[in-house]
Amino acid sequence: MADGLGQKTKGIMLHWGIYSVPAFNPVRKTKKGIYNGSEWYCQRLKNTFLYGNATKSYHTKKFGKRDYHAFLEDFEKATQDWKPESWVELFKKSGAEYVIITSKHHDGVALYPSKFGTYHTKRDYLGELCEACRKQGLGFGLYYSLMEWTPAYGNGKSAKKASEYIDKIMIPQIYELHDTYLPDFFWFDGDWGQTSEFWRMEEILRRLFSLNQGLCVNDRLGKNFQFPVKDCETKGDKTEREKEKEKEKEKEKE
């Protein structure tokens, strides 16, 4: 961007993917104390020990034994009439100066016809949204999850398997995204289980910045890496009562 994304203060981040099909999020506290939206549907469906049975019960009742990634076909059918221009028009009216969208969340589903990875859409949702943003003068950024809940990455504990995932899927996909859409911003996530060295982030950023000097990135580059100023504080969707209880606890400590 000519004037730099860093000068823009109002933006919209879109979490959009095949998890929008079930669009289910239990409203109760988990054993791990994590509050996440429907983008964690895939993980909550598999790991009932940590996240309880609410998602699995809902899924079984509504979809039977259907595999989560089967929602990919449903998503593309449901979005046949999607017009990114109407979204961008609304974003601009709201005062937004840039838009960041999930190019691939933790479920491993890319919202464009990627040459890498296991799951991706046939339609280029990213490209269409990017073009619409550029026409309206809005900055365009990409959220990208370093890890994913797929057999390709596994649970990250197998160094050999994780290394193959990084070599054959993650890094090629990041470069593919950058070279195809030339984003103004890369919002990395899913880094928390490994170090920045493990993810080879220095190598990746050197390459990206050499081609795109105006590129902005956040600090989720590994569990050992953090900028002096946090990108944002994420506590997820909590009810007003839960927020009040936390405030009461903080006052008691004072």
Protein backbone atom coordinates (compact mmCIF):
# COMPACT_ATOMS: atom_id res chain seq x y z
CA MET A 1 0.00 0.00 0.00
CA ALA A 2 1.26 3.43 -0.90
CA ASP A 3 0.43 5.01 2.46
CA GLY A 4 1.20 1.93 4.54
CA LEU A 5 -1.21 -0.32 6.41
CA GLY A 6 0.45 0.77 9.63
CA GLN A 7 -1.21 4.18 9.25
CA LYS A 8 -4.67 2.65 9.11
CA THR A 9 -6.39 2.14 12.44
CA LYS A 10 -9.81 0.68 11.64
CA GLY A 11 -10.12 -2.75 10.13
CA ILE A 12 -12.32 -5.81 9.94
CA MET A 13 -11.16 -9.38 10.46
CA LEU A 14 -13.31 -12.08 8.91
CA HIS A 15 -13.41 -15.62 10.26
CA TRP A 16 -15.12 -17.37 7.37
CA GLY A 17 -14.83 -20.98 6.31
CA ILE A 18 -16.61 -24.32 6.18
CA TYR A 19 -17.25 -24.02 9.94
CA SER A 20 -19.83 -21.42 8.89
CA VAL A 21 -22.00 -24.33 7.71
CA PRO A 22 -22.72 -25.83 11.17
CA ALA A 23 -22.16 -22.38 12.73
CA PHE A 24 -22.39 -23.84 16.22
CA ASN A 25 -20.69 -22.63 19.37
CA PRO A 26 -21.59 -23.93 22.86
CA VAL A 27 -22.09 -21.14 25.37
CA ARG A 28 -20.44 -22.80 28.32
CA LYS A 29 -17.02 -22.73 29.84
CA THR A 30 -14.60 -25.46 28.78
CA LYS A 31 -12.21 -27.37 31.02
CA LYS A 32 -9.37 -25.49 29.39
CA GLY A 33 -11.04 -22.12 29.88
CA ILE A 34 -10.93 -21.32 26.15
CA TYR A 35 -13.70 -19.38 24.48
CA ASN A 36 -13.74 -19.87 20.74
CA GLY A 37 -16.25 -19.47 17.93
CA SER A 38 -17.46 -21.99 15.40
CA GLU A 39 -14.02 -21.96 13.75
CA TRP A 40 -13.06 -24.43 16.49
CA TYR A 41 -15.97 -26.74 15.63
CA CYS A 42 -13.61 -29.32 14.12
CA GLN A 43 -11.49 -29.60 17.26
CA ARG A 44 -14.41 -29.57 19.68
CA LEU A 45 -16.00 -32.35 17.65
CA LYS A 46 -12.93 -34.57 18.09
CA ASN A 47 -11.73 -33.66 21.57
CA THR A 48 -14.66 -34.03 23.95
CA PHE A 49 -12.34 -34.45 26.94
CA LEU A 50 -11.22 -30.83 26.75
CA TYR A 51 -14.27 -29.23 25.19
CA GLY A 52 -17.21 -31.27 26.44
CA ASN A 53 -19.92 -33.10 24.48
CA ALA A 54 -22.04 -30.16 23.33
CA THR A 55 -20.58 -29.92 19.82
CA LYS A 56 -20.51 -33.67 19.26
CA SER A 57 -24.11 -34.03 20.45
CA TYR A 58 -25.22 -31.22 18.16
CA HIS A 59 -23.31 -32.69 15.21
CA THR A 60 -24.66 -36.21 15.71
CA LYS A 61 -28.22 -34.95 16.01
CA LYS A 62 -28.08 -32.73 12.94
CA PHE A 63 -25.48 -34.37 10.66
CA GLY A 64 -25.17 -37.95 11.90
CA LYS A 65 -21.74 -39.47 11.29
CA ARG A 66 -20.84 -37.01 8.57
CA ASP A 67 -17.16 -36.03 8.49
CA TYR A 68 -16.37 -32.40 9.27
CA HIS A 69 -14.55 -31.77 5.99
CA ALA A 70 -17.64 -32.86 4.06
CA PHE A 71 -18.90 -29.35 4.87
CA LEU A 72 -16.55 -28.13 2.15
CA GLU A 73 -19.05 -29.08 -0.56
CA ASP A 74 -21.93 -27.52 1.39
CA PHE A 75 -19.99 -24.30 1.83
CA GLU A 76 -19.33 -23.90 -1.88
CA LYS A 77 -22.97 -24.61 -2.75
CA ALA A 78 -24.26 -22.15 -0.15
CA THR A 79 -21.99 -19.37 -1.42
CA GLN A 80 -22.72 -19.66 -5.14
CA ASP A 81 -24.44 -16.26 -5.09
CA TRP A 82 -21.84 -14.61 -2.87
CA LYS A 83 -20.83 -11.17 -4.11
CA PRO A 84 -17.76 -9.78 -2.34
CA GLU A 85 -18.54 -6.29 -3.67
CA SER A 86 -21.58 -6.05 -1.40
CA TRP A 87 -19.46 -7.00 1.62
CA VAL A 88 -16.77 -4.46 0.80
CA GLU A 89 -19.35 -1.74 0.26
CA LEU A 90 -20.68 -2.40 3.75
CA PHE A 91 -17.17 -2.50 5.22
CA LYS A 92 -16.34 0.86 3.69
CA LYS A 93 -19.57 2.41 4.98
CA SER A 94 -18.64 1.22 8.47
CA GLY A 95 -15.42 3.22 8.29
CA ALA A 96 -13.08 0.25 7.84
CA GLU A 97 -9.77 0.97 6.14
CA TYR A 98 -8.61 -2.60 5.66
CA VAL A 99 -9.94 -6.17 5.68
CA ILE A 100 -8.24 -9.36 6.88
CA ILE A 101 -9.74 -12.75 6.03
CA THR A 102 -8.90 -16.29 7.10
CA SER A 103 -7.04 -17.77 4.15
CA LYS A 104 -6.69 -21.02 6.12
CA HIS A 105 -7.80 -21.56 9.71
CA HIS A 106 -6.82 -24.43 12.02
CA ASP A 107 -9.08 -26.87 10.14
CA GLY A 108 -6.64 -26.80 7.22
CA VAL A 109 -9.19 -25.65 4.62
CA ALA A 110 -7.83 -22.98 2.28
CA LEU A 111 -10.34 -20.52 0.79
CA TYR A 112 -8.72 -20.61 -2.63
CA PRO A 113 -7.65 -23.33 -5.09
CA SER A 114 -4.26 -23.95 -3.49
CA LYS A 115 -1.72 -26.27 -5.10
CA PHE A 116 -0.70 -27.43 -1.64
CA GLY A 117 -2.41 -28.99 1.35
CA THR A 118 -5.24 -31.48 1.65
CA TYR A 119 -8.31 -29.27 1.63
CA HIS A 120 -9.18 -26.20 -0.41
CA THR A 121 -12.11 -24.60 -2.20
CA LYS A 122 -12.54 -24.67 -5.96
CA ARG A 123 -13.61 -21.04 -5.98
CA ASP A 124 -11.06 -18.32 -5.34
CA TYR A 125 -12.81 -16.49 -2.51
CA LEU A 126 -9.61 -14.70 -1.51
CA GLY A 127 -8.93 -13.41 -5.00
CA GLU A 128 -12.45 -12.08 -5.44
CA LEU A 129 -12.45 -10.33 -2.07
CA CYS A 130 -8.97 -8.95 -2.68
CA GLU A 131 -10.02 -7.45 -6.01
CA ALA A 132 -13.15 -5.90 -4.48
CA CYS A 133 -11.09 -4.36 -1.65
CA ARG A 134 -8.51 -2.91 -4.04
CA LYS A 135 -11.23 -1.31 -6.16
CA GLN A 136 -12.65 0.42 -3.07
CA GLY A 137 -9.23 1.49 -1.81
CA LEU A 138 -9.22 -0.82 1.22
CA GLY A 139 -6.14 -2.60 2.46
CA PHE A 140 -6.20 -6.40 2.15
CA GLY A 141 -4.69 -8.86 4.59
CA LEU A 142 -4.54 -12.61 5.10
CA TYR A 143 -4.89 -14.58 8.32
CA TYR A 144 -2.96 -17.86 8.15
CA SER A 145 -2.77 -20.67 10.70
CA LEU A 146 0.71 -22.22 10.90
CA MET A 147 -0.52 -25.50 12.36
CA GLU A 148 -3.64 -27.37 11.33
CA TRP A 149 -5.87 -30.15 12.66
CA THR A 150 -5.16 -32.58 9.83
CA PRO A 151 -3.19 -35.82 9.45
CA ALA A 152 -0.60 -33.86 7.45
CA TYR A 153 0.52 -32.01 10.58
CA GLY A 154 -0.63 -34.54 13.14
CA ASN A 155 -0.31 -33.29 16.70
CA GLY A 156 3.04 -31.63 16.09
CA LYS A 157 4.90 -34.08 18.34
CA SER A 158 6.40 -36.06 15.48
CA ALA A 159 9.35 -33.92 14.37
CA LYS A 160 9.68 -35.76 11.05
CA LYS A 161 6.00 -35.44 10.17
CA ALA A 162 5.84 -31.80 11.25
CA SER A 163 8.98 -31.04 9.25
CA GLU A 164 7.44 -32.58 6.14
CA TYR A 165 4.30 -30.52 6.70
CA ILE A 166 6.32 -27.31 6.99
CA ASP A 167 8.39 -28.14 3.88
CA LYS A 168 5.62 -29.40 1.63
CA ILE A 169 2.53 -27.50 2.76
CA MET A 170 2.99 -24.58 5.15
CA ILE A 171 5.89 -22.68 3.59
CA PRO A 172 4.82 -23.29 -0.04
CA GLN A 173 1.30 -22.16 0.86
CA ILE A 174 2.49 -18.96 2.55
CA TYR A 175 4.61 -18.09 -0.48
CA GLU A 176 1.76 -19.01 -2.81
CA LEU A 177 -0.60 -16.72 -0.91
CA HIS A 178 1.86 -13.85 -0.90
CA ASP A 179 2.82 -14.09 -4.56
CA THR A 180 -0.78 -14.52 -5.72
CA TYR A 181 -2.48 -11.78 -3.70
CA LEU A 182 0.38 -9.50 -2.55
CA PRO A 183 -1.34 -8.81 0.79
CA ASP A 184 -0.69 -5.72 2.86
CA PHE A 185 -0.83 -7.78 6.04
CA PHE A 186 -0.10 -11.33 7.14
CA TRP A 187 -1.81 -12.28 10.40
CA PHE A 188 -0.20 -15.51 11.56
CA ASP A 189 -1.79 -17.75 14.19
CA GLY A 190 -1.63 -21.34 15.42
CA ASP A 191 1.98 -20.82 16.46
CA TRP A 192 1.63 -21.41 20.20
CA GLY A 193 2.83 -25.02 20.33
CA GLN A 194 6.23 -24.47 18.73
CA THR A 195 9.08 -21.94 18.59
CA SER A 196 9.68 -19.48 15.77
CA GLU A 197 12.78 -21.52 14.86
CA PHE A 198 10.62 -24.61 14.51
CA TRP A 199 8.27 -22.74 12.15
CA ARG A 200 11.29 -21.27 10.30
CA MET A 201 9.76 -17.82 10.54
CA GLU A 202 13.01 -15.89 10.02
CA GLU A 203 13.49 -17.65 6.70
CA ILE A 204 9.89 -16.97 5.72
CA LEU A 205 9.90 -13.30 6.72
CA ARG A 206 13.20 -12.62 4.97
CA ARG A 207 11.68 -13.86 1.75
CA LEU A 208 8.40 -11.97 2.19
CA PHE A 209 10.03 -8.66 3.14
CA SER A 210 12.53 -8.89 0.28
CA LEU A 211 9.59 -8.90 -2.13
CA ASN A 212 7.16 -6.71 -0.20
CA GLN A 213 8.88 -4.11 1.98
CA GLY A 214 5.58 -2.53 3.04
CA LEU A 215 4.20 -5.81 4.37
CA CYS A 216 2.93 -5.78 7.96
CA VAL A 217 2.90 -8.89 10.17
CA ASN A 218 1.69 -9.61 13.69
CA ASP A 219 3.78 -11.25 16.40
CA ARG A 220 2.33 -14.76 16.49
CA LEU A 221 5.50 -16.26 15.09
CA GLY A 222 6.21 -18.87 17.76
CA LYS A 223 5.68 -19.42 21.48
CA ASN A 224 9.06 -17.77 22.23
CA PHE A 225 8.42 -14.67 20.13
CA GLN A 226 6.41 -11.56 20.92
CA PHE A 227 6.61 -7.88 20.00
CA PRO A 228 6.92 -5.36 22.88
CA VAL A 229 3.38 -4.22 22.03
CA LYS A 230 0.77 -6.99 21.71
CA ASP A 231 -1.18 -7.22 18.46
CA CYS A 232 -4.40 -7.70 20.39
CA GLU A 233 -5.85 -9.37 23.45
CA THR A 234 -8.04 -12.36 22.69
CA LYS A 235 -10.39 -13.72 25.31
CA GLY A 236 -13.11 -14.88 22.96
CA ASP A 237 -16.84 -14.60 23.38
CA LYS A 238 -17.81 -14.37 27.02
CA THR A 239 -21.20 -13.57 28.43
CA GLU A 240 -21.66 -10.26 30.21
CA ARG A 241 -22.09 -12.09 33.53
CA GLU A 242 -18.77 -13.88 33.07
CA LYS A 243 -17.07 -10.57 32.37
CA GLU A 244 -18.61 -9.09 35.51
CA LYS A 245 -17.37 -12.02 37.61
CA GLU A 246 -13.84 -11.54 36.31
CA LYS A 247 -13.96 -7.84 37.18
CA GLU A 248 -15.14 -8.73 40.69
CA LYS A 249 -12.23 -11.14 41.12
CA GLU A 250 -9.76 -8.48 39.97
CA LYS A 251 -11.17 -6.01 42.50
CA GLU A 252 -10.79 -8.59 45.29
CA LYS A 253 -7.09 -8.93 44.46
CA GLU A 254 -6.50 -5.17 44.75
